[in-house]
Amino acid sequence: MKSAKFEEEFVKSIIQQNEGEKLDFKQKITSKEKISKTLAGLANTEGGYILIGISDKKKIIGIDPEEERYMIEAANEEFCVPMVSLTIDEIKIFDDKTTEQNEEEKSLLLVEIKKTDGSKIYCKSKDGKLRSYIRIGDRTLAV
């Protein structure tokens, strides 16, 4: 079990990085189908992280961890074939950008996606077709 301080420092170091082949920021999950493509793309490339609760401008927004965990797990179960190997950690973090008296604890989810063992992960589309995805830069693309 990692310490809360270690997790907070780790997340803050991730926020300093730019989105790319191994990292994606999400404010919240709005579509299980769309996030499944990101899960598959990361797994099919090098693995990596999705940090949920962060705006595009890298501001800590915070999320309802149970709702976001449900969306990730449901996306993986419903759309990914085979399912992506992942771990989900809730991390509570104090936002440095608030003033001392307004400082509040916010929840983020850190989703770690493992690289596939050589077999491809596919995503089911609404019409039932299977497509494979990879990450190129900060984009998830069909191949």
Protein backbone atom coordinates (compact mmCIF):
# COMPACT_ATOMS: atom_id res chain seq x y z
CA MET A 1 0.00 0.00 0.00
CA LYS A 2 1.45 3.33 -1.04
CA SER A 3 1.30 6.24 1.37
CA ALA A 4 -1.12 9.08 0.70
CA LYS A 5 1.83 11.51 0.54
CA PHE A 6 3.57 9.35 -2.09
CA GLU A 7 0.37 9.16 -4.16
CA GLU A 8 -0.21 12.91 -3.96
CA GLU A 9 3.40 13.65 -5.01
CA PHE A 10 3.15 11.10 -7.84
CA VAL A 11 -0.08 12.65 -9.15
CA LYS A 12 1.36 16.17 -8.95
CA SER A 13 4.37 14.98 -10.98
CA ILE A 14 2.00 13.48 -13.59
CA ILE A 15 0.05 16.75 -13.83
CA GLN A 16 3.31 18.52 -14.76
CA GLN A 17 3.66 16.28 -17.82
CA ASN A 18 1.94 16.72 -21.15
CA GLU A 19 -0.60 14.31 -22.56
CA GLY A 20 0.98 11.81 -24.91
CA GLU A 21 1.29 8.15 -25.83
CA LYS A 22 1.29 7.09 -22.18
CA LEU A 23 -0.84 9.78 -20.51
CA ASP A 24 -4.35 11.19 -20.90
CA PHE A 25 -6.21 13.69 -18.69
CA LYS A 26 -9.99 13.61 -18.36
CA GLN A 27 -12.21 16.04 -16.51
CA LYS A 28 -14.81 13.26 -16.26
CA ILE A 29 -15.95 10.27 -18.28
CA THR A 30 -18.96 11.15 -20.42
CA SER A 31 -19.06 8.12 -22.74
CA LYS A 32 -18.19 4.49 -21.99
CA GLU A 33 -17.66 3.83 -25.70
CA LYS A 34 -15.21 6.73 -26.10
CA ILE A 35 -13.17 5.92 -22.99
CA SER A 36 -12.96 2.26 -24.04
CA LYS A 37 -11.05 3.40 -27.15
CA THR A 38 -8.56 5.26 -24.95
CA LEU A 39 -8.18 2.20 -22.71
CA ALA A 40 -7.54 -0.06 -25.71
CA GLY A 41 -5.25 2.48 -27.41
CA LEU A 42 -3.04 2.79 -24.33
CA ALA A 43 -2.95 -0.99 -23.80
CA ASN A 44 -2.11 -1.64 -27.48
CA THR A 45 0.72 0.92 -27.48
CA GLU A 46 2.88 1.05 -24.34
CA GLY A 47 0.39 1.09 -21.49
CA GLY A 48 0.07 4.23 -19.41
CA TYR A 49 -2.22 6.33 -17.24
CA ILE A 50 -5.52 8.15 -17.40
CA LEU A 51 -5.93 10.78 -14.70
CA ILE A 52 -9.58 11.65 -14.16
CA GLY A 53 -10.58 14.88 -12.44
CA ILE A 54 -8.15 17.20 -14.27
CA SER A 55 -9.17 19.90 -16.75
CA ASP A 56 -7.44 20.46 -20.10
CA LYS A 57 -5.62 23.37 -18.45
CA LYS A 58 -4.33 20.93 -15.78
CA LYS A 59 -6.56 22.33 -13.03
CA ILE A 60 -7.64 19.87 -10.35
CA ILE A 61 -11.43 19.71 -10.69
CA GLY A 62 -12.13 16.62 -8.61
CA ILE A 63 -14.75 13.98 -9.33
CA ASP A 64 -17.21 11.58 -7.76
CA PRO A 65 -14.85 8.59 -7.56
CA GLU A 66 -17.60 5.95 -7.48
CA GLU A 67 -19.28 7.29 -10.63
CA GLU A 68 -16.01 7.51 -12.57
CA ARG A 69 -14.86 4.07 -11.37
CA TYR A 70 -18.19 2.64 -12.57
CA MET A 71 -17.75 4.29 -16.01
CA ILE A 72 -14.21 2.90 -16.46
CA GLU A 73 -15.10 -0.61 -15.31
CA ALA A 74 -18.32 -0.69 -17.37
CA ALA A 75 -16.51 0.60 -20.48
CA ASN A 76 -13.88 -2.11 -20.10
CA GLU A 77 -16.49 -4.87 -19.59
CA GLU A 78 -18.96 -3.73 -22.27
CA PHE A 79 -16.66 -2.56 -25.08
CA CYS A 80 -13.12 -4.01 -24.75
CA VAL A 81 -12.40 -7.46 -26.21
CA PRO A 82 -10.56 -8.94 -24.39
CA MET A 83 -10.76 -6.69 -21.34
CA VAL A 84 -7.87 -4.33 -20.64
CA SER A 85 -5.71 -5.15 -17.61
CA LEU A 86 -5.93 -2.09 -15.38
CA THR A 87 -5.84 -0.84 -11.82
CA ILE A 88 -7.85 2.08 -10.47
CA ASP A 89 -6.71 4.11 -7.47
CA GLU A 90 -8.65 6.91 -5.84
CA ILE A 91 -6.32 9.67 -4.75
CA LYS A 92 -7.38 12.47 -2.45
CA ILE A 93 -5.43 15.62 -3.08
CA PHE A 94 -5.43 19.17 -1.80
CA ASP A 95 -5.55 21.70 -4.59
CA ASP A 96 -2.57 24.07 -4.20
CA LYS A 97 -4.28 26.66 -6.37
CA THR A 98 -6.88 27.47 -3.71
CA THR A 99 -6.18 29.84 -0.86
CA GLU A 100 -5.22 28.43 2.54
CA GLN A 101 -8.66 28.93 4.10
CA ASN A 102 -10.45 27.62 0.99
CA GLU A 103 -8.20 24.59 0.53
CA GLU A 104 -10.34 21.53 -0.03
CA GLU A 105 -9.65 17.89 -0.55
CA LYS A 106 -10.61 16.62 -3.99
CA SER A 107 -10.79 13.09 -5.33
CA LEU A 108 -9.07 12.00 -8.51
CA LEU A 109 -8.89 8.59 -10.13
CA LEU A 110 -5.61 7.30 -11.46
CA VAL A 111 -6.18 4.48 -13.93
CA GLU A 112 -3.07 2.50 -14.78
CA ILE A 113 -3.39 0.52 -18.02
CA LYS A 114 -1.03 -2.39 -18.54
CA LYS A 115 0.51 -2.98 -21.98
CA THR A 116 -0.97 -6.03 -23.69
CA ASP A 117 1.02 -9.23 -23.73
CA GLY A 118 1.16 -9.20 -27.53
CA SER A 119 -2.50 -9.82 -28.32
CA LYS A 120 -4.52 -6.83 -29.46
CA ILE A 121 -7.40 -5.28 -27.54
CA TYR A 122 -10.42 -4.45 -29.71
CA CYS A 123 -13.39 -2.20 -29.05
CA LYS A 124 -16.96 -3.01 -30.01
CA SER A 125 -18.79 -0.22 -31.77
CA LYS A 126 -22.53 0.32 -31.52
CA ASP A 127 -23.00 -1.72 -34.74
CA GLY A 128 -21.04 -4.64 -33.21
CA LYS A 129 -17.87 -4.26 -35.30
CA LEU A 130 -14.51 -4.73 -33.61
CA ARG A 131 -11.76 -2.15 -34.15
CA SER A 132 -8.28 -1.86 -32.75
CA TYR A 133 -6.82 1.44 -31.47
CA ILE A 134 -3.36 2.78 -30.70
CA ARG A 135 -1.98 6.00 -29.24
CA ILE A 136 0.00 8.33 -31.46
CA GLY A 137 1.11 11.36 -29.52
CA ASP A 138 -1.87 12.50 -27.45
CA ARG A 139 -4.46 10.99 -29.81
CA THR A 140 -6.18 7.62 -29.91
CA LEU A 141 -6.49 6.39 -33.49
CA ALA A 142 -8.14 3.37 -35.14
CA VAL A 143 -5.80 1.00 -36.97
